[in-house]
Amino acid sequence: MNPRLSQKKHPDRLLILLALEPEELTGDRGAFFGSILGSLNHIYVADVIWLSRFAQHPQKYAALSTLPELPSDKLLDQTVANDLETMTIIRQKLDEIIINWCQELKSEELETNLNYHDTKGNLYRKNFGQLIYHFFNHQTHHRGQVTTLISQQGLDVGVTDLLKLLPEQ
């Protein structure tokens, strides 16, 4: 672990990650996808796969027309970024697509169904709004794991409880 960061508080999670040594980012920590960077790769890959499915919605969202292409749409453990700098760049671009797509969504579309194939080729038909809920819940799940991996490095990522982050009205 980088000794200058041990037990320090850092409100900006990206700064925490940038300060970690490469082996701290890529070392197998026993998580579902091995390392911190492996987990970030998984979140990215799963997001692209789900957004590609959402792009098949009859609404044909303009924001989803610029999705990045993956080497495979079947491998949830593929590596699309070998370092944090690359991950940061591609994640920021993907987040812009997600924000623009969310601005296109209309509430009545959430009541429709979406047909899609999973990574094994199985066909499903599910409520579109619930699939979107899963999309964001999946990110939250694995980001929580990344937070745990960072904490195991002796770093304090600060408050992550959404309730504490919501502004008082």
N, C-alpha and C. Protein backbone atom coordinates (compact mmCIF):
# COMPACT_ATOMS: atom_id res chain seq x y z
N MET A 1 0.83 -1.17 0.00
CA MET A 1 0.00 0.00 0.00
C MET A 1 0.88 1.24 0.00
N ASN A 2 0.39 2.28 -0.64
CA ASN A 2 1.10 3.55 -0.69
C ASN A 2 1.09 4.15 0.72
N PRO A 3 2.25 4.26 1.41
CA PRO A 3 2.28 4.68 2.81
C PRO A 3 1.77 6.10 3.04
N ARG A 4 1.89 6.97 2.05
CA ARG A 4 1.44 8.35 2.28
C ARG A 4 -0.08 8.47 2.33
N LEU A 5 -0.80 7.42 1.93
CA LEU A 5 -2.25 7.47 1.95
C LEU A 5 -2.87 6.70 3.10
N SER A 6 -2.09 5.91 3.78
CA SER A 6 -2.63 5.05 4.81
C SER A 6 -3.40 5.86 5.85
N GLN A 7 -4.64 5.42 6.09
CA GLN A 7 -5.51 6.00 7.11
C GLN A 7 -5.89 7.46 6.87
N LYS A 8 -5.63 7.99 5.69
CA LYS A 8 -6.05 9.35 5.39
C LYS A 8 -7.44 9.32 4.78
N LYS A 9 -8.16 10.42 4.96
CA LYS A 9 -9.50 10.54 4.40
C LYS A 9 -9.41 11.27 3.07
N HIS A 10 -10.10 10.73 2.07
CA HIS A 10 -10.12 11.33 0.73
C HIS A 10 -11.55 11.33 0.20
N PRO A 11 -12.17 12.51 0.12
CA PRO A 11 -13.55 12.53 -0.37
C PRO A 11 -13.67 12.19 -1.86
N ASP A 12 -12.64 12.41 -2.63
CA ASP A 12 -12.69 12.12 -4.06
C ASP A 12 -12.17 10.72 -4.30
N ARG A 13 -13.08 9.79 -4.62
CA ARG A 13 -12.70 8.39 -4.78
C ARG A 13 -11.71 8.18 -5.91
N LEU A 14 -11.81 8.98 -6.97
CA LEU A 14 -10.87 8.84 -8.07
C LEU A 14 -9.45 9.19 -7.62
N LEU A 15 -9.31 10.21 -6.79
CA LEU A 15 -7.98 10.54 -6.28
C LEU A 15 -7.39 9.40 -5.46
N ILE A 16 -8.24 8.71 -4.72
CA ILE A 16 -7.77 7.57 -3.95
C ILE A 16 -7.21 6.51 -4.90
N LEU A 17 -7.96 6.19 -5.93
CA LEU A 17 -7.52 5.16 -6.87
C LEU A 17 -6.26 5.59 -7.60
N LEU A 18 -6.18 6.85 -7.99
CA LEU A 18 -4.99 7.32 -8.71
C LEU A 18 -3.74 7.26 -7.85
N ALA A 19 -3.93 7.34 -6.55
CA ALA A 19 -2.78 7.31 -5.65
C ALA A 19 -2.29 5.89 -5.35
N LEU A 20 -3.11 4.89 -5.65
CA LEU A 20 -2.70 3.51 -5.40
C LEU A 20 -1.65 3.07 -6.42
N GLU A 21 -0.78 2.22 -5.99
CA GLU A 21 0.22 1.64 -6.88
C GLU A 21 -0.47 0.68 -7.85
N PRO A 22 0.09 0.50 -9.05
CA PRO A 22 -0.55 -0.40 -10.03
C PRO A 22 -0.84 -1.80 -9.48
N GLU A 23 0.07 -2.35 -8.71
CA GLU A 23 -0.17 -3.70 -8.18
C GLU A 23 -1.30 -3.71 -7.15
N GLU A 24 -1.56 -2.57 -6.53
CA GLU A 24 -2.69 -2.48 -5.60
C GLU A 24 -4.03 -2.45 -6.36
N LEU A 25 -4.00 -1.94 -7.56
CA LEU A 25 -5.20 -1.90 -8.39
C LEU A 25 -5.46 -3.22 -9.09
N THR A 26 -4.40 -3.94 -9.42
CA THR A 26 -4.55 -5.15 -10.23
C THR A 26 -4.37 -6.44 -9.43
N GLY A 27 -3.93 -6.35 -8.20
CA GLY A 27 -3.72 -7.54 -7.39
C GLY A 27 -5.03 -8.22 -7.03
N ASP A 28 -5.02 -9.54 -7.10
CA ASP A 28 -6.22 -10.32 -6.79
C ASP A 28 -6.54 -10.17 -5.31
N ARG A 29 -7.72 -9.66 -5.03
CA ARG A 29 -8.17 -9.41 -3.66
C ARG A 29 -9.26 -10.39 -3.23
N GLY A 30 -9.51 -11.41 -4.08
CA GLY A 30 -10.53 -12.38 -3.73
C GLY A 30 -11.94 -11.91 -4.01
N ALA A 31 -12.09 -10.81 -4.72
CA ALA A 31 -13.41 -10.31 -5.09
C ALA A 31 -13.95 -11.12 -6.26
N PHE A 32 -15.22 -10.90 -6.59
CA PHE A 32 -15.84 -11.63 -7.70
C PHE A 32 -15.01 -11.53 -8.97
N PHE A 33 -14.46 -10.35 -9.23
CA PHE A 33 -13.68 -10.15 -10.44
C PHE A 33 -12.22 -9.83 -10.10
N GLY A 34 -11.76 -10.42 -9.00
CA GLY A 34 -10.36 -10.39 -8.62
C GLY A 34 -9.91 -9.11 -7.97
N SER A 35 -9.60 -8.15 -8.79
CA SER A 35 -8.96 -6.92 -8.32
C SER A 35 -9.89 -5.72 -8.37
N ILE A 36 -9.38 -4.60 -7.89
CA ILE A 36 -10.12 -3.35 -8.01
C ILE A 36 -10.35 -3.04 -9.49
N LEU A 37 -9.29 -3.10 -10.28
CA LEU A 37 -9.42 -2.80 -11.71
C LEU A 37 -10.28 -3.84 -12.42
N GLY A 38 -10.17 -5.10 -12.01
CA GLY A 38 -11.03 -6.14 -12.59
C GLY A 38 -12.50 -5.86 -12.31
N SER A 39 -12.80 -5.39 -11.12
CA SER A 39 -14.18 -5.05 -10.76
C SER A 39 -14.66 -3.85 -11.57
N LEU A 40 -13.82 -2.85 -11.75
CA LEU A 40 -14.19 -1.68 -12.56
C LEU A 40 -14.41 -2.08 -14.01
N ASN A 41 -13.58 -2.98 -14.52
CA ASN A 41 -13.77 -3.49 -15.88
C ASN A 41 -15.13 -4.19 -15.99
N HIS A 42 -15.47 -5.00 -15.00
CA HIS A 42 -16.74 -5.72 -15.03
C HIS A 42 -17.92 -4.76 -15.05
N ILE A 43 -17.89 -3.75 -14.22
CA ILE A 43 -18.99 -2.78 -14.20
C ILE A 43 -19.14 -2.15 -15.58
N TYR A 44 -18.02 -1.77 -16.17
CA TYR A 44 -18.05 -1.14 -17.50
C TYR A 44 -18.63 -2.10 -18.55
N VAL A 45 -18.12 -3.32 -18.57
CA VAL A 45 -18.57 -4.30 -19.56
C VAL A 45 -20.06 -4.58 -19.39
N ALA A 46 -20.51 -4.82 -18.16
CA ALA A 46 -21.93 -5.09 -17.93
C ALA A 46 -22.78 -3.90 -18.34
N ASP A 47 -22.31 -2.69 -18.07
CA ASP A 47 -23.06 -1.49 -18.48
C ASP A 47 -23.22 -1.44 -20.00
N VAL A 48 -22.14 -1.71 -20.72
CA VAL A 48 -22.22 -1.67 -22.19
C VAL A 48 -23.16 -2.76 -22.70
N ILE A 49 -23.08 -3.95 -22.13
CA ILE A 49 -23.97 -5.04 -22.54
C ILE A 49 -25.43 -4.65 -22.32
N TRP A 50 -25.75 -4.14 -21.13
CA TRP A 50 -27.14 -3.75 -20.85
C TRP A 50 -27.57 -2.59 -21.73
N LEU A 51 -26.73 -1.61 -21.91
CA LEU A 51 -27.11 -0.47 -22.76
C LEU A 51 -27.32 -0.92 -24.21
N SER A 52 -26.54 -1.89 -24.65
CA SER A 52 -26.74 -2.43 -26.01
C SER A 52 -28.10 -3.12 -26.11
N ARG A 53 -28.51 -3.79 -25.05
CA ARG A 53 -29.85 -4.39 -25.03
C ARG A 53 -30.92 -3.29 -25.04
N PHE A 54 -30.70 -2.25 -24.23
CA PHE A 54 -31.67 -1.15 -24.17
C PHE A 54 -31.76 -0.42 -25.50
N ALA A 55 -30.69 -0.44 -26.27
CA ALA A 55 -30.69 0.20 -27.59
C ALA A 55 -31.65 -0.49 -28.55
N GLN A 56 -32.05 -1.72 -28.22
CA GLN A 56 -33.00 -2.47 -29.06
C GLN A 56 -34.45 -2.11 -28.75
N HIS A 57 -34.65 -1.26 -27.77
CA HIS A 57 -36.01 -0.82 -27.42
C HIS A 57 -36.62 -0.12 -28.63
N PRO A 58 -37.91 -0.31 -28.87
CA PRO A 58 -38.55 0.34 -30.02
C PRO A 58 -38.38 1.86 -30.06
N GLN A 59 -38.13 2.47 -28.91
CA GLN A 59 -37.96 3.93 -28.86
C GLN A 59 -36.71 4.39 -29.62
N LYS A 60 -35.70 3.53 -29.73
CA LYS A 60 -34.44 3.85 -30.45
C LYS A 60 -33.82 5.14 -29.93
N TYR A 61 -33.28 5.08 -28.75
CA TYR A 61 -32.67 6.24 -28.07
C TYR A 61 -31.42 6.71 -28.80
N ALA A 62 -31.39 7.99 -29.12
CA ALA A 62 -30.26 8.58 -29.85
C ALA A 62 -28.96 8.45 -29.07
N ALA A 63 -29.02 8.63 -27.76
CA ALA A 63 -27.80 8.57 -26.94
C ALA A 63 -27.12 7.22 -27.01
N LEU A 64 -27.90 6.17 -27.25
CA LEU A 64 -27.33 4.82 -27.27
C LEU A 64 -26.74 4.45 -28.63
N SER A 65 -26.85 5.34 -29.59
CA SER A 65 -26.28 5.06 -30.92
C SER A 65 -24.77 5.18 -30.93
N THR A 66 -24.19 5.73 -29.87
CA THR A 66 -22.74 5.93 -29.82
C THR A 66 -22.06 5.01 -28.82
N LEU A 67 -22.70 3.89 -28.51
CA LEU A 67 -22.12 2.95 -27.54
C LEU A 67 -20.79 2.40 -28.04
N PRO A 68 -19.85 2.22 -27.13
CA PRO A 68 -18.58 1.59 -27.53
C PRO A 68 -18.81 0.12 -27.87
N GLU A 69 -17.93 -0.41 -28.70
CA GLU A 69 -18.01 -1.83 -29.03
C GLU A 69 -17.04 -2.59 -28.14
N LEU A 70 -17.49 -3.74 -27.71
CA LEU A 70 -16.66 -4.60 -26.87
C LEU A 70 -16.05 -5.71 -27.72
N PRO A 71 -14.90 -6.24 -27.27
CA PRO A 71 -14.34 -7.40 -27.96
C PRO A 71 -15.33 -8.56 -27.98
N SER A 72 -16.17 -8.68 -26.93
CA SER A 72 -17.19 -9.72 -26.83
C SER A 72 -18.34 -9.17 -26.03
N ASP A 73 -19.55 -9.57 -26.40
CA ASP A 73 -20.70 -9.18 -25.58
C ASP A 73 -21.16 -10.35 -24.71
N LYS A 74 -20.27 -11.31 -24.53
CA LYS A 74 -20.62 -12.49 -23.75
C LYS A 74 -19.73 -12.69 -22.51
N LEU A 75 -18.61 -12.00 -22.45
CA LEU A 75 -17.65 -12.21 -21.37
C LEU A 75 -17.75 -11.09 -20.34
N LEU A 76 -18.28 -11.41 -19.18
CA LEU A 76 -18.45 -10.40 -18.14
C LEU A 76 -17.17 -10.11 -17.38
N ASP A 77 -16.13 -10.90 -17.65
CA ASP A 77 -14.86 -10.67 -16.96
C ASP A 77 -13.76 -10.18 -17.91
N GLN A 78 -14.16 -9.68 -19.08
CA GLN A 78 -13.15 -9.22 -20.03
C GLN A 78 -12.51 -7.91 -19.56
N THR A 79 -11.31 -7.70 -20.01
CA THR A 79 -10.57 -6.49 -19.68
C THR A 79 -10.64 -5.53 -20.86
N VAL A 80 -11.19 -4.36 -20.61
CA VAL A 80 -11.25 -3.32 -21.63
C VAL A 80 -10.26 -2.20 -21.33
N ALA A 81 -9.77 -2.17 -20.08
CA ALA A 81 -8.78 -1.17 -19.69
C ALA A 81 -7.76 -1.85 -18.77
N ASN A 82 -6.50 -1.75 -19.13
CA ASN A 82 -5.43 -2.36 -18.34
C ASN A 82 -4.85 -1.44 -17.29
N ASP A 83 -5.29 -0.19 -17.29
CA ASP A 83 -4.79 0.76 -16.30
C ASP A 83 -5.91 1.74 -15.93
N LEU A 84 -5.72 2.41 -14.83
CA LEU A 84 -6.76 3.30 -14.31
C LEU A 84 -6.99 4.51 -15.20
N GLU A 85 -5.94 5.02 -15.81
CA GLU A 85 -6.10 6.18 -16.67
C GLU A 85 -7.03 5.87 -17.85
N THR A 86 -6.82 4.73 -18.48
CA THR A 86 -7.69 4.32 -19.59
C THR A 86 -9.10 4.09 -19.09
N MET A 87 -9.24 3.41 -17.95
CA MET A 87 -10.57 3.16 -17.39
C MET A 87 -11.29 4.47 -17.11
N THR A 88 -10.58 5.43 -16.57
CA THR A 88 -11.20 6.72 -16.27
C THR A 88 -11.74 7.39 -17.53
N ILE A 89 -10.96 7.36 -18.59
CA ILE A 89 -11.38 7.98 -19.85
C ILE A 89 -12.61 7.29 -20.43
N ILE A 90 -12.58 5.96 -20.52
CA ILE A 90 -13.70 5.26 -21.13
C ILE A 90 -14.94 5.30 -20.23
N ARG A 91 -14.72 5.28 -18.92
CA ARG A 91 -15.86 5.35 -17.98
C ARG A 91 -16.55 6.71 -18.09
N GLN A 92 -15.78 7.78 -18.19
CA GLN A 92 -16.38 9.11 -18.30
C GLN A 92 -17.20 9.23 -19.58
N LYS A 93 -16.70 8.66 -20.67
CA LYS A 93 -17.46 8.68 -21.93
C LYS A 93 -18.75 7.88 -21.79
N LEU A 94 -18.66 6.72 -21.15
CA LEU A 94 -19.85 5.89 -20.97
C LEU A 94 -20.85 6.59 -20.04
N ASP A 95 -20.36 7.23 -19.01
CA ASP A 95 -21.26 7.94 -18.10
C ASP A 95 -21.99 9.07 -18.82
N GLU A 96 -21.34 9.74 -19.74
CA GLU A 96 -22.00 10.78 -20.54
C GLU A 96 -23.13 10.17 -21.36
N ILE A 97 -22.88 9.01 -21.94
CA ILE A 97 -23.93 8.33 -22.71
C ILE A 97 -25.11 7.98 -21.80
N ILE A 98 -24.81 7.47 -20.61
CA ILE A 98 -25.87 7.09 -19.67
C ILE A 98 -26.69 8.32 -19.27
N ILE A 99 -26.03 9.41 -18.96
CA ILE A 99 -26.74 10.64 -18.57
C ILE A 99 -27.63 11.12 -19.72
N ASN A 100 -27.09 11.14 -20.92
CA ASN A 100 -27.88 11.59 -22.07
C ASN A 100 -29.06 10.66 -22.34
N TRP A 101 -28.85 9.35 -22.18
CA TRP A 101 -29.92 8.38 -22.36
C TRP A 101 -31.02 8.60 -21.31
N CYS A 102 -30.63 8.80 -20.07
CA CYS A 102 -31.62 9.02 -19.00
C CYS A 102 -32.46 10.26 -19.28
N GLN A 103 -31.85 11.26 -19.88
CA GLN A 103 -32.60 12.47 -20.21
C GLN A 103 -33.60 12.23 -21.34
N GLU A 104 -33.37 11.21 -22.14
CA GLU A 104 -34.30 10.85 -23.22
C GLU A 104 -35.47 10.00 -22.74
N LEU A 105 -35.29 9.27 -21.64
CA LEU A 105 -36.32 8.36 -21.15
C LEU A 105 -37.60 9.10 -20.79
N LYS A 106 -38.71 8.46 -21.11
CA LYS A 106 -40.02 8.98 -20.74
C LYS A 106 -40.69 7.95 -19.82
N SER A 107 -41.44 8.44 -18.86
CA SER A 107 -42.00 7.55 -17.84
C SER A 107 -42.87 6.45 -18.45
N GLU A 108 -43.60 6.74 -19.50
CA GLU A 108 -44.47 5.70 -20.08
C GLU A 108 -43.66 4.56 -20.70
N GLU A 109 -42.43 4.82 -21.09
CA GLU A 109 -41.58 3.77 -21.66
C GLU A 109 -41.18 2.74 -20.61
N LEU A 110 -41.18 3.14 -19.35
CA LEU A 110 -40.80 2.24 -18.26
C LEU A 110 -41.81 1.12 -18.07
N GLU A 111 -43.02 1.30 -18.57
CA GLU A 111 -44.07 0.30 -18.44
C GLU A 111 -44.04 -0.73 -19.57
N THR A 112 -43.21 -0.50 -20.57
CA THR A 112 -43.14 -1.43 -21.70
C THR A 112 -42.27 -2.63 -21.34
N ASN A 113 -42.26 -3.61 -22.21
CA ASN A 113 -41.41 -4.79 -22.03
C ASN A 113 -40.27 -4.75 -23.04
N LEU A 114 -39.21 -5.43 -22.70
CA LEU A 114 -38.06 -5.51 -23.60
C LEU A 114 -37.68 -6.97 -23.78
N ASN A 115 -37.52 -7.39 -25.03
CA ASN A 115 -37.00 -8.72 -25.33
C ASN A 115 -35.49 -8.59 -25.46
N TYR A 116 -34.76 -9.49 -24.84
CA TYR A 116 -33.30 -9.47 -24.95
C TYR A 116 -32.75 -10.87 -24.73
N HIS A 117 -31.52 -11.05 -25.15
CA HIS A 117 -30.81 -12.32 -24.93
C HIS A 117 -29.73 -12.09 -23.87
N ASP A 118 -29.58 -13.04 -22.97
CA ASP A 118 -28.48 -12.95 -22.00
C ASP A 118 -27.18 -13.39 -22.66
N THR A 119 -26.11 -13.41 -21.90
CA THR A 119 -24.80 -13.74 -22.47
C THR A 119 -24.69 -15.20 -22.90
N LYS A 120 -25.65 -16.03 -22.47
CA LYS A 120 -25.67 -17.44 -22.89
C LYS A 120 -26.62 -17.67 -24.06
N GLY A 121 -27.28 -16.61 -24.52
CA GLY A 121 -28.18 -16.72 -25.65
C GLY A 121 -29.64 -16.98 -25.31
N ASN A 122 -29.96 -17.05 -24.02
CA ASN A 122 -31.34 -17.29 -23.60
C ASN A 122 -32.18 -16.03 -23.82
N LEU A 123 -33.38 -16.22 -24.34
CA LEU A 123 -34.28 -15.11 -24.62
C LEU A 123 -35.14 -14.81 -23.40
N TYR A 124 -35.25 -13.51 -23.08
CA TYR A 124 -36.09 -13.06 -21.98
C TYR A 124 -36.97 -11.92 -22.45
N ARG A 125 -38.10 -11.76 -21.78
CA ARG A 125 -38.99 -10.62 -21.99
C ARG A 125 -39.34 -10.10 -20.60
N LYS A 126 -38.84 -8.90 -20.29
CA LYS A 126 -39.04 -8.35 -18.95
C LYS A 126 -39.44 -6.88 -19.04
N ASN A 127 -39.99 -6.41 -17.92
CA ASN A 127 -40.39 -5.02 -17.83
C ASN A 127 -39.16 -4.10 -17.95
N PHE A 128 -39.26 -3.14 -18.86
CA PHE A 128 -38.14 -2.25 -19.16
C PHE A 128 -37.71 -1.44 -17.94
N GLY A 129 -38.67 -0.91 -17.20
CA GLY A 129 -38.34 -0.13 -16.01
C GLY A 129 -37.59 -0.95 -14.97
N GLN A 130 -38.01 -2.20 -14.79
CA GLN A 130 -37.32 -3.06 -13.83
C GLN A 130 -35.93 -3.44 -14.32
N LEU A 131 -35.75 -3.56 -15.63
CA LEU A 131 -34.40 -3.82 -16.16
C LEU A 131 -33.48 -2.63 -15.92
N ILE A 132 -34.02 -1.43 -16.06
CA ILE A 132 -33.23 -0.23 -15.78
C ILE A 132 -32.86 -0.19 -14.30
N TYR A 133 -33.80 -0.56 -13.45
CA TYR A 133 -33.52 -0.64 -12.02
C TYR A 133 -32.37 -1.61 -11.77
N HIS A 134 -32.42 -2.77 -12.41
CA HIS A 134 -31.33 -3.75 -12.27
C HIS A 134 -30.00 -3.16 -12.75
N PHE A 135 -30.03 -2.46 -13.86
CA PHE A 135 -28.83 -1.85 -14.44
C PHE A 135 -28.11 -0.99 -13.40
N PHE A 136 -28.86 -0.10 -12.75
CA PHE A 136 -28.23 0.78 -11.76
C PHE A 136 -27.92 0.05 -10.46
N ASN A 137 -28.74 -0.90 -10.07
CA ASN A 137 -28.47 -1.68 -8.87
C ASN A 137 -27.19 -2.50 -9.03
N HIS A 138 -26.96 -3.03 -10.22
CA HIS A 138 -25.75 -3.81 -10.49
C HIS A 138 -24.51 -2.95 -10.30
N GLN A 139 -24.55 -1.73 -10.80
CA GLN A 139 -23.42 -0.81 -10.61
C GLN A 139 -23.17 -0.59 -9.12
N THR A 140 -24.24 -0.32 -8.39
CA THR A 140 -24.13 -0.05 -6.96
C THR A 140 -23.53 -1.23 -6.23
N HIS A 141 -23.98 -2.42 -6.57
CA HIS A 141 -23.48 -3.64 -5.94
C HIS A 141 -21.95 -3.76 -6.09
N HIS A 142 -21.48 -3.63 -7.31
CA HIS A 142 -20.04 -3.82 -7.54
C HIS A 142 -19.22 -2.60 -7.10
N ARG A 143 -19.78 -1.42 -7.15
CA ARG A 143 -19.06 -0.25 -6.62
C ARG A 143 -18.88 -0.39 -5.11
N GLY A 144 -19.87 -0.99 -4.46
CA GLY A 144 -19.73 -1.27 -3.03
C GLY A 144 -18.58 -2.24 -2.78
N GLN A 145 -18.43 -3.21 -3.66
CA GLN A 145 -17.31 -4.14 -3.52
C GLN A 145 -15.98 -3.41 -3.71
N VAL A 146 -15.93 -2.51 -4.68
CA VAL A 146 -14.70 -1.73 -4.90
C VAL A 146 -14.39 -0.89 -3.67
N THR A 147 -15.42 -0.31 -3.07
CA THR A 147 -15.22 0.47 -1.85
C THR A 147 -14.62 -0.41 -0.75
N THR A 148 -15.10 -1.63 -0.63
CA THR A 148 -14.55 -2.56 0.36
C THR A 148 -13.09 -2.87 0.05
N LEU A 149 -12.78 -3.11 -1.22
CA LEU A 149 -11.39 -3.41 -1.59
C LEU A 149 -10.47 -2.24 -1.29
N ILE A 150 -10.96 -1.03 -1.51
CA ILE A 150 -10.16 0.16 -1.20
C ILE A 150 -9.97 0.27 0.31
N SER A 151 -11.05 0.03 1.06
CA SER A 151 -10.96 0.09 2.52
C SER A 151 -9.98 -0.94 3.06
N GLN A 152 -9.91 -2.09 2.41
CA GLN A 152 -8.97 -3.12 2.83
C GLN A 152 -7.52 -2.70 2.60
N GLN A 153 -7.34 -1.66 1.79
CA GLN A 153 -6.00 -1.12 1.58
C GLN A 153 -5.63 -0.12 2.68
N GLY A 154 -6.52 0.07 3.64
CA GLY A 154 -6.27 0.98 4.74
C GLY A 154 -6.67 2.42 4.44
N LEU A 155 -7.47 2.62 3.42
CA LEU A 155 -7.89 3.96 3.03
C LEU A 155 -9.35 4.19 3.42
N ASP A 156 -9.65 5.41 3.81
CA ASP A 156 -11.01 5.79 4.16
C ASP A 156 -11.63 6.52 2.97
N VAL A 157 -12.65 5.93 2.39
CA VAL A 157 -13.29 6.53 1.22
C VAL A 157 -14.34 7.56 1.61
N GLY A 158 -14.56 7.75 2.87
CA GLY A 158 -15.54 8.72 3.32
C GLY A 158 -16.94 8.12 3.32
N VAL A 159 -17.91 8.99 3.47
CA VAL A 159 -19.30 8.57 3.54
C VAL A 159 -19.77 8.11 2.17
N THR A 160 -20.38 6.93 2.13
CA THR A 160 -20.93 6.41 0.88
C THR A 160 -22.43 6.16 0.98
N ASP A 161 -23.01 6.41 2.13
CA ASP A 161 -24.44 6.20 2.34
C ASP A 161 -25.21 7.27 1.58
N LEU A 162 -26.03 6.86 0.62
CA LEU A 162 -26.78 7.79 -0.21
C LEU A 162 -27.60 8.75 0.64
N LEU A 163 -28.18 8.28 1.71
CA LEU A 163 -28.99 9.13 2.56
C LEU A 163 -28.18 10.32 3.10
N LYS A 164 -26.92 10.08 3.39
CA LYS A 164 -26.06 11.17 3.90
C LYS A 164 -25.62 12.11 2.77
N LEU A 165 -25.64 11.63 1.54
CA LEU A 165 -25.21 12.45 0.41
C LEU A 165 -26.32 13.31 -0.18
N LEU A 166 -27.59 12.92 0.10
CA LEU A 166 -28.73 13.68 -0.41
C LEU A 166 -28.81 15.03 0.30
N PRO A 167 -29.02 16.10 -0.45
CA PRO A 167 -29.10 17.43 0.20
C PRO A 167 -30.40 17.57 1.00
N GLU A 168 -30.30 18.33 2.07
CA GLU A 168 -31.48 18.64 2.88
C GLU A 168 -32.39 19.56 2.07
N GLN A 169 -33.68 19.37 2.16
CA GLN A 169 -34.64 20.20 1.41
C GLN A 169 -35.29 21.22 2.31
